[in-house]
Amino acid sequence: KNVGGIRTLTWPVGAVVIVDVIKEHSALKEAVGMGVPVVALVDTNADPSMVDYVIPGNDDSPRAIKLVLDYLAQAAQKGTEA
């Protein structure tokens, strides 16, 4: 809703990061349909079969989400510097 969908993003999109695959099922389906790799924080109550890179963890805990997203942001920053 906020971005307007993957189709309106500037290409190439390297990957989409999803925190809760159950709540964001439409974003997951759209990314898979467009061929965009999906990195997702997946809890035990979710099906990770459509996710390319699964990060097992608690997708309900703000501290856990912040930890994972901060780590991914640092890795992305290092990747752009190289």
PDB file of N, CA and C in Angstrom:
ATOM      1  N   LYS A   1       0.818  -1.203   0.000  1.00  0.00           N
ATOM      2  CA  LYS A   1       0.000   0.000   0.000  1.00  0.00           C
ATOM      3  C   LYS A   1       0.853   1.255   0.000  1.00  0.00           C
ATOM      4  N   ASN A   2       1.909   1.253   0.811  1.00  0.00           N
ATOM      5  CA  ASN A   2       2.698   2.470   0.991  1.00  0.00           C
ATOM      6  C   ASN A   2       3.567   2.789  -0.210  1.00  0.00           C
ATOM      7  N   VAL A   3       4.151   1.772  -0.833  1.00  0.00           N
ATOM      8  CA  VAL A   3       5.080   2.001  -1.926  1.00  0.00           C
ATOM      9  C   VAL A   3       4.361   2.018  -3.266  1.00  0.00           C
ATOM     10  N   GLY A   4       3.269   1.311  -3.379  1.00  0.00           N
ATOM     11  CA  GLY A   4       2.551   1.253  -4.643  1.00  0.00           C
ATOM     12  C   GLY A   4       2.819  -0.027  -5.403  1.00  0.00           C
ATOM     13  N   GLY A   5       3.527  -0.950  -4.807  1.00  0.00           N
ATOM     14  CA  GLY A   5       3.796  -2.230  -5.452  1.00  0.00           C
ATOM     15  C   GLY A   5       5.192  -2.287  -6.046  1.00  0.00           C
ATOM     16  N   ILE A   6       5.606  -3.488  -6.332  1.00  0.00           N
ATOM     17  CA  ILE A   6       6.950  -3.708  -6.873  1.00  0.00           C
ATOM     18  C   ILE A   6       7.061  -3.158  -8.285  1.00  0.00           C
ATOM     19  N   ARG A   7       5.998  -3.205  -9.050  1.00  0.00           N
ATOM     20  CA  ARG A   7       6.050  -2.756 -10.445  1.00  0.00           C
ATOM     21  C   ARG A   7       6.462  -1.292 -10.593  1.00  0.00           C
ATOM     22  N   THR A   8       6.197  -0.484  -9.567  1.00  0.00           N
ATOM     23  CA  THR A   8       6.511   0.946  -9.655  1.00  0.00           C
ATOM     24  C   THR A   8       7.901   1.291  -9.125  1.00  0.00           C
ATOM     25  N   LEU A   9       8.625   0.304  -8.587  1.00  0.00           N
ATOM     26  CA  LEU A   9       9.962   0.573  -8.064  1.00  0.00           C
ATOM     27  C   LEU A   9      10.970   0.725  -9.196  1.00  0.00           C
ATOM     28  N   THR A  10      12.058   1.406  -8.906  1.00  0.00           N
ATOM     29  CA  THR A  10      13.128   1.577  -9.876  1.00  0.00           C
ATOM     30  C   THR A  10      13.884   0.263 -10.013  1.00  0.00           C
ATOM     31  N   TRP A  11      14.059  -0.188 -11.239  1.00  0.00           N
ATOM     32  CA  TRP A  11      14.732  -1.467 -11.490  1.00  0.00           C
ATOM     33  C   TRP A  11      16.200  -1.251 -11.722  1.00  0.00           C
ATOM     34  N   PRO A  12      17.098  -2.132 -11.444  1.00  0.00           N
ATOM     35  CA  PRO A  12      16.813  -3.468 -10.928  1.00  0.00           C
ATOM     36  C   PRO A  12      16.677  -3.463  -9.415  1.00  0.00           C
ATOM     37  N   VAL A  13      15.732  -4.230  -8.919  1.00  0.00           N
ATOM     38  CA  VAL A  13      15.545  -4.419  -7.484  1.00  0.00           C
ATOM     39  C   VAL A  13      16.377  -5.628  -7.090  1.00  0.00           C
ATOM     40  N   GLY A  14      17.316  -5.449  -6.155  1.00  0.00           N
ATOM     41  CA  GLY A  14      18.205  -6.532  -5.756  1.00  0.00           C
ATOM     42  C   GLY A  14      17.504  -7.590  -4.941  1.00  0.00           C
ATOM     43  N   ALA A  15      16.634  -7.176  -4.050  1.00  0.00           N
ATOM     44  CA  ALA A  15      15.902  -8.105  -3.198  1.00  0.00           C
ATOM     45  C   ALA A  15      14.840  -7.329  -2.425  1.00  0.00           C
ATOM     46  N   VAL A  16      13.888  -8.071  -1.902  1.00  0.00           N
ATOM     47  CA  VAL A  16      12.865  -7.507  -1.036  1.00  0.00           C
ATOM     48  C   VAL A  16      13.026  -8.162   0.330  1.00  0.00           C
ATOM     49  N   VAL A  17      13.011  -7.354   1.382  1.00  0.00           N
ATOM     50  CA  VAL A  17      13.110  -7.867   2.745  1.00  0.00           C
ATOM     51  C   VAL A  17      11.715  -7.801   3.369  1.00  0.00           C
ATOM     52  N   ILE A  18      11.248  -8.941   3.846  1.00  0.00           N
ATOM     53  CA  ILE A  18       9.931  -9.033   4.456  1.00  0.00           C
ATOM     54  C   ILE A  18      10.103  -9.523   5.887  1.00  0.00           C
ATOM     55  N   VAL A  19       9.416  -8.876   6.828  1.00  0.00           N
ATOM     56  CA  VAL A  19       9.541  -9.241   8.235  1.00  0.00           C
ATOM     57  C   VAL A  19       8.524 -10.313   8.618  1.00  0.00           C
ATOM     58  N   ASP A  20       7.310 -10.223   8.195  1.00  0.00           N
ATOM     59  CA  ASP A  20       6.270 -11.184   8.574  1.00  0.00           C
ATOM     60  C   ASP A  20       5.597 -11.683   7.302  1.00  0.00           C
ATOM     61  N   VAL A  21       5.927 -12.898   6.866  1.00  0.00           N
ATOM     62  CA  VAL A  21       5.409 -13.400   5.589  1.00  0.00           C
ATOM     63  C   VAL A  21       3.912 -13.678   5.638  1.00  0.00           C
ATOM     64  N   ILE A  22       3.352 -13.871   6.818  1.00  0.00           N
ATOM     65  CA  ILE A  22       1.905 -14.072   6.920  1.00  0.00           C
ATOM     66  C   ILE A  22       1.178 -12.744   6.719  1.00  0.00           C
ATOM     67  N   LYS A  23       1.627 -11.724   7.429  1.00  0.00           N
ATOM     68  CA  LYS A  23       0.985 -10.408   7.324  1.00  0.00           C
ATOM     69  C   LYS A  23       1.238  -9.768   5.957  1.00  0.00           C
ATOM     70  N   GLU A  24       2.398  -9.976   5.404  1.00  0.00           N
ATOM     71  CA  GLU A  24       2.784  -9.358   4.130  1.00  0.00           C
ATOM     72  C   GLU A  24       2.708 -10.367   2.981  1.00  0.00           C
ATOM     73  N   HIS A  25       1.679 -11.210   2.991  1.00  0.00           N
ATOM     74  CA  HIS A  25       1.562 -12.251   1.967  1.00  0.00           C
ATOM     75  C   HIS A  25       1.414 -11.686   0.558  1.00  0.00           C
ATOM     76  N   SER A  26       0.768 -10.547   0.419  1.00  0.00           N
ATOM     77  CA  SER A  26       0.607  -9.974  -0.917  1.00  0.00           C
ATOM     78  C   SER A  26       1.949  -9.469  -1.467  1.00  0.00           C
ATOM     79  N   ALA A  27       2.785  -8.895  -0.612  1.00  0.00           N
ATOM     80  CA  ALA A  27       4.120  -8.450  -1.043  1.00  0.00           C
ATOM     81  C   ALA A  27       4.972  -9.648  -1.434  1.00  0.00           C
ATOM     82  N   LEU A  28       4.849 -10.729  -0.676  1.00  0.00           N
ATOM     83  CA  LEU A  28       5.591 -11.949  -0.980  1.00  0.00           C
ATOM     84  C   LEU A  28       5.176 -12.513  -2.333  1.00  0.00           C
ATOM     85  N   LYS A  29       3.887 -12.609  -2.579  1.00  0.00           N
ATOM     86  CA  LYS A  29       3.393 -13.146  -3.852  1.00  0.00           C
ATOM     87  C   LYS A  29       3.798 -12.254  -5.030  1.00  0.00           C
ATOM     88  N   GLU A  30       3.738 -10.953  -4.837  1.00  0.00           N
ATOM     89  CA  GLU A  30       4.111 -10.033  -5.910  1.00  0.00           C
ATOM     90  C   GLU A  30       5.607 -10.144  -6.226  1.00  0.00           C
ATOM     91  N   ALA A  31       6.440 -10.237  -5.199  1.00  0.00           N
ATOM     92  CA  ALA A  31       7.881 -10.364  -5.419  1.00  0.00           C
ATOM     93  C   ALA A  31       8.204 -11.666  -6.138  1.00  0.00           C
ATOM     94  N   VAL A  32       7.607 -12.745  -5.715  1.00  0.00           N
ATOM     95  CA  VAL A  32       7.834 -14.036  -6.370  1.00  0.00           C
ATOM     96  C   VAL A  32       7.368 -13.978  -7.824  1.00  0.00           C
ATOM     97  N   GLY A  33       6.225 -13.375  -8.060  1.00  0.00           N
ATOM     98  CA  GLY A  33       5.701 -13.250  -9.415  1.00  0.00           C
ATOM     99  C   GLY A  33       6.572 -12.413 -10.328  1.00  0.00           C
ATOM    100  N   MET A  34       7.232 -11.421  -9.764  1.00  0.00           N
ATOM    101  CA  MET A  34       8.099 -10.542 -10.555  1.00  0.00           C
ATOM    102  C   MET A  34       9.528 -11.072 -10.648  1.00  0.00           C
ATOM    103  N   GLY A  35       9.833 -12.164  -9.941  1.00  0.00           N
ATOM    104  CA  GLY A  35      11.171 -12.737  -9.984  1.00  0.00           C
ATOM    105  C   GLY A  35      12.190 -12.019  -9.118  1.00  0.00           C
ATOM    106  N   VAL A  36      11.716 -11.285  -8.113  1.00  0.00           N
ATOM    107  CA  VAL A  36      12.606 -10.568  -7.207  1.00  0.00           C
ATOM    108  C   VAL A  36      12.943 -11.494  -6.037  1.00  0.00           C
ATOM    109  N   PRO A  37      14.225 -11.643  -5.708  1.00  0.00           N
ATOM    110  CA  PRO A  37      14.589 -12.487  -4.563  1.00  0.00           C
ATOM    111  C   PRO A  37      13.981 -11.952  -3.264  1.00  0.00           C
ATOM    112  N   VAL A  38      13.563 -12.875  -2.416  1.00  0.00           N
ATOM    113  CA  VAL A  38      12.924 -12.513  -1.155  1.00  0.00           C
ATOM    114  C   VAL A  38      13.793 -12.961   0.014  1.00  0.00           C
ATOM    115  N   VAL A  39      14.123 -12.002   0.890  1.00  0.00           N
ATOM    116  CA  VAL A  39      14.794 -12.271   2.154  1.00  0.00           C
ATOM    117  C   VAL A  39      13.735 -12.032   3.219  1.00  0.00           C
ATOM    118  N   ALA A  40      13.504 -13.029   4.094  1.00  0.00           N
ATOM    119  CA  ALA A  40      12.418 -12.862   5.054  1.00  0.00           C
ATOM    120  C   ALA A  40      12.772 -13.417   6.423  1.00  0.00           C
ATOM    121  N   LEU A  41      12.312 -12.694   7.436  1.00  0.00           N
ATOM    122  CA  LEU A  41      12.367 -13.158   8.810  1.00  0.00           C
ATOM    123  C   LEU A  41      11.127 -14.023   9.001  1.00  0.00           C
ATOM    124  N   VAL A  42      11.338 -15.326   9.247  1.00  0.00           N
ATOM    125  CA  VAL A  42      10.230 -16.278   9.276  1.00  0.00           C
ATOM    126  C   VAL A  42      10.149 -16.939  10.649  1.00  0.00           C
ATOM    127  N   ASP A  43       8.972 -16.876  11.234  1.00  0.00           N
ATOM    128  CA  ASP A  43       8.697 -17.502  12.516  1.00  0.00           C
ATOM    129  C   ASP A  43       8.222 -18.937  12.284  1.00  0.00           C
ATOM    130  N   THR A  44       8.069 -19.709  13.358  1.00  0.00           N
ATOM    131  CA  THR A  44       7.667 -21.114  13.235  1.00  0.00           C
ATOM    132  C   THR A  44       6.228 -21.283  12.770  1.00  0.00           C
ATOM    133  N   ASN A  45       5.419 -20.229  12.805  1.00  0.00           N
ATOM    134  CA  ASN A  45       4.031 -20.334  12.385  1.00  0.00           C
ATOM    135  C   ASN A  45       3.830 -19.996  10.906  1.00  0.00           C
ATOM    136  N   ALA A  46       4.898 -19.817  10.155  1.00  0.00           N
ATOM    137  CA  ALA A  46       4.789 -19.402   8.751  1.00  0.00           C
ATOM    138  C   ALA A  46       5.419 -20.437   7.826  1.00  0.00           C
ATOM    139  N   ASP A  47       4.984 -20.421   6.577  1.00  0.00           N
ATOM    140  CA  ASP A  47       5.505 -21.324   5.555  1.00  0.00           C
ATOM    141  C   ASP A  47       6.616 -20.606   4.783  1.00  0.00           C
ATOM    142  N   PRO A  48       7.852 -21.092   4.867  1.00  0.00           N
ATOM    143  CA  PRO A  48       8.968 -20.421   4.196  1.00  0.00           C
ATOM    144  C   PRO A  48       9.198 -20.879   2.752  1.00  0.00           C
ATOM    145  N   SER A  49       8.287 -21.634   2.187  1.00  0.00           N
ATOM    146  CA  SER A  49       8.538 -22.250   0.883  1.00  0.00           C
ATOM    147  C   SER A  49       8.708 -21.243  -0.262  1.00  0.00           C
ATOM    148  N   MET A  50       8.124 -20.068  -0.176  1.00  0.00           N
ATOM    149  CA  MET A  50       8.249 -19.083  -1.254  1.00  0.00           C
ATOM    150  C   MET A  50       9.405 -18.112  -1.036  1.00  0.00           C
ATOM    151  N   VAL A  51      10.097 -18.243   0.094  1.00  0.00           N
ATOM    152  CA  VAL A  51      11.174 -17.327   0.467  1.00  0.00           C
ATOM    153  C   VAL A  51      12.504 -17.873  -0.037  1.00  0.00           C
ATOM    154  N   ASP A  52      13.298 -17.023  -0.686  1.00  0.00           N
ATOM    155  CA  ASP A  52      14.605 -17.437  -1.207  1.00  0.00           C
ATOM    156  C   ASP A  52      15.649 -17.542  -0.106  1.00  0.00           C
ATOM    157  N   TYR A  53      15.677 -16.573   0.797  1.00  0.00           N
ATOM    158  CA  TYR A  53      16.656 -16.538   1.877  1.00  0.00           C
ATOM    159  C   TYR A  53      15.907 -16.396   3.199  1.00  0.00           C
ATOM    160  N   VAL A  54      15.784 -17.504   3.914  1.00  0.00           N
ATOM    161  CA  VAL A  54      15.033 -17.539   5.159  1.00  0.00           C
ATOM    162  C   VAL A  54      15.941 -17.185   6.334  1.00  0.00           C
ATOM    163  N   ILE A  55      15.481 -16.252   7.159  1.00  0.00           N
ATOM    164  CA  ILE A  55      16.147 -15.921   8.416  1.00  0.00           C
ATOM    165  C   ILE A  55      15.195 -16.382   9.514  1.00  0.00           C
ATOM    166  N   PRO A  56      15.516 -17.505  10.174  1.00  0.00           N
ATOM    167  CA  PRO A  56      14.618 -17.964  11.236  1.00  0.00           C
ATOM    168  C   PRO A  56      14.695 -17.034  12.430  1.00  0.00           C
ATOM    169  N   GLY A  57      13.542 -16.618  12.918  1.00  0.00           N
ATOM    170  CA  GLY A  57      13.527 -15.714  14.058  1.00  0.00           C
ATOM    171  C   GLY A  57      12.123 -15.298  14.423  1.00  0.00           C
ATOM    172  N   ASN A  58      12.028 -14.544  15.491  1.00  0.00           N
ATOM    173  CA  ASN A  58      10.749 -14.072  16.002  1.00  0.00           C
ATOM    174  C   ASN A  58      10.333 -12.819  15.242  1.00  0.00           C
ATOM    175  N   ASP A  59       9.304 -12.942  14.418  1.00  0.00           N
ATOM    176  CA  ASP A  59       8.854 -11.795  13.627  1.00  0.00           C
ATOM    177  C   ASP A  59       7.843 -10.932  14.374  1.00  0.00           C
ATOM    178  N   ASP A  60       7.636 -11.219  15.661  1.00  0.00           N
ATOM    179  CA  ASP A  60       6.721 -10.416  16.482  1.00  0.00           C
ATOM    180  C   ASP A  60       7.451  -9.528  17.487  1.00  0.00           C
ATOM    181  N   SER A  61       8.730  -9.769  17.692  1.00  0.00           N
ATOM    182  CA  SER A  61       9.499  -9.027  18.684  1.00  0.00           C
ATOM    183  C   SER A  61      10.196  -7.827  18.045  1.00  0.00           C
ATOM    184  N   PRO A  62       9.874  -6.617  18.502  1.00  0.00           N
ATOM    185  CA  PRO A  62      10.538  -5.428  17.947  1.00  0.00           C
ATOM    186  C   PRO A  62      12.065  -5.473  18.084  1.00  0.00           C
ATOM    187  N   ARG A  63      12.563  -6.006  19.195  1.00  0.00           N
ATOM    188  CA  ARG A  63      14.018  -6.084  19.378  1.00  0.00           C
ATOM    189  C   ARG A  63      14.650  -7.047  18.382  1.00  0.00           C
ATOM    190  N   ALA A  64      14.007  -8.184  18.149  1.00  0.00           N
ATOM    191  CA  ALA A  64      14.531  -9.155  17.191  1.00  0.00           C
ATOM    192  C   ALA A  64      14.505  -8.585  15.771  1.00  0.00           C
ATOM    193  N   ILE A  65      13.435  -7.912  15.432  1.00  0.00           N
ATOM    194  CA  ILE A  65      13.311  -7.309  14.100  1.00  0.00           C
ATOM    195  C   ILE A  65      14.387  -6.254  13.903  1.00  0.00           C
ATOM    196  N   LYS A  66      14.579  -5.392  14.898  1.00  0.00           N
ATOM    197  CA  LYS A  66      15.597  -4.344  14.796  1.00  0.00           C
ATOM    198  C   LYS A  66      16.990  -4.943  14.645  1.00  0.00           C
ATOM    199  N   LEU A  67      17.291  -5.990  15.401  1.00  0.00           N
ATOM    200  CA  LEU A  67      18.593  -6.636  15.318  1.00  0.00           C
ATOM    201  C   LEU A  67      18.857  -7.154  13.901  1.00  0.00           C
ATOM    202  N   VAL A  68      17.900  -7.855  13.333  1.00  0.00           N
ATOM    203  CA  VAL A  68      18.076  -8.425  12.004  1.00  0.00           C
ATOM    204  C   VAL A  68      18.158  -7.334  10.939  1.00  0.00           C
ATOM    205  N   LEU A  69      17.276  -6.350  11.007  1.00  0.00           N
ATOM    206  CA  LEU A  69      17.283  -5.290   9.997  1.00  0.00           C
ATOM    207  C   LEU A  69      18.531  -4.417  10.082  1.00  0.00           C
ATOM    208  N   ASP A  70      19.006  -4.161  11.286  1.00  0.00           N
ATOM    209  CA  ASP A  70      20.261  -3.401  11.430  1.00  0.00           C
ATOM    210  C   ASP A  70      21.430  -4.169  10.817  1.00  0.00           C
ATOM    211  N   TYR A  71      21.459  -5.478  11.054  1.00  0.00           N
ATOM    212  CA  TYR A  71      22.521  -6.307  10.481  1.00  0.00           C
ATOM    213  C   TYR A  71      22.459  -6.301   8.948  1.00  0.00           C
ATOM    214  N   LEU A  72      21.257  -6.434   8.399  1.00  0.00           N
ATOM    215  CA  LEU A  72      21.100  -6.412   6.940  1.00  0.00           C
ATOM    216  C   LEU A  72      21.488  -5.050   6.368  1.00  0.00           C
ATOM    217  N   ALA A  73      21.143  -3.982   7.075  1.00  0.00           N
ATOM    218  CA  ALA A  73      21.495  -2.637   6.610  1.00  0.00           C
ATOM    219  C   ALA A  73      23.011  -2.442   6.600  1.00  0.00           C
ATOM    220  N   GLN A  74      23.695  -2.933   7.641  1.00  0.00           N
ATOM    221  CA  GLN A  74      25.154  -2.830   7.678  1.00  0.00           C
ATOM    222  C   GLN A  74      25.788  -3.632   6.551  1.00  0.00           C
ATOM    223  N   ALA A  75      25.257  -4.820   6.282  1.00  0.00           N
ATOM    224  CA  ALA A  75      25.791  -5.647   5.203  1.00  0.00           C
ATOM    225  C   ALA A  75      25.577  -4.980   3.849  1.00  0.00           C
ATOM    226  N   ALA A  76      24.420  -4.375   3.663  1.00  0.00           N
ATOM    227  CA  ALA A  76      24.151  -3.668   2.401  1.00  0.00           C
ATOM    228  C   ALA A  76      25.087  -2.477   2.238  1.00  0.00           C
ATOM    229  N   GLN A  77      25.316  -1.769   3.326  1.00  0.00           N
ATOM    230  CA  GLN A  77      26.238  -0.623   3.289  1.00  0.00           C
ATOM    231  C   GLN A  77      27.642  -1.059   2.923  1.00  0.00           C
ATOM    232  N   LYS A  78      28.112  -2.145   3.532  1.00  0.00           N
ATOM    233  CA  LYS A  78      29.443  -2.661   3.199  1.00  0.00           C
ATOM    234  C   LYS A  78      29.522  -3.096   1.739  1.00  0.00           C
ATOM    235  N   GLY A  79      28.424  -3.662   1.243  1.00  0.00           N
ATOM    236  CA  GLY A  79      28.403  -4.108  -0.150  1.00  0.00           C
ATOM    237  C   GLY A  79      28.483  -2.954  -1.141  1.00  0.00           C
ATOM    238  N   THR A  80      27.923  -1.826  -0.802  1.00  0.00           N
ATOM    239  CA  THR A  80      27.975  -0.664  -1.707  1.00  0.00           C
ATOM    240  C   THR A  80      29.326   0.047  -1.639  1.00  0.00           C
ATOM    241  N   GLU A  81      30.052  -0.130  -0.538  1.00  0.00           N
ATOM    242  CA  GLU A  81      31.357   0.500  -0.394  1.00  0.00           C
ATOM    243  C   GLU A  81      32.437  -0.240  -1.159  1.00  0.00           C
ATOM    244  N   ALA A  82      32.243  -1.537  -1.364  1.00  0.00           N
ATOM    245  CA  ALA A  82      33.280  -2.355  -1.997  1.00  0.00           C
ATOM    246  C   ALA A  82      33.374  -2.137  -3.480  1.00  0.00           C
TER     247      ALA A  82
END
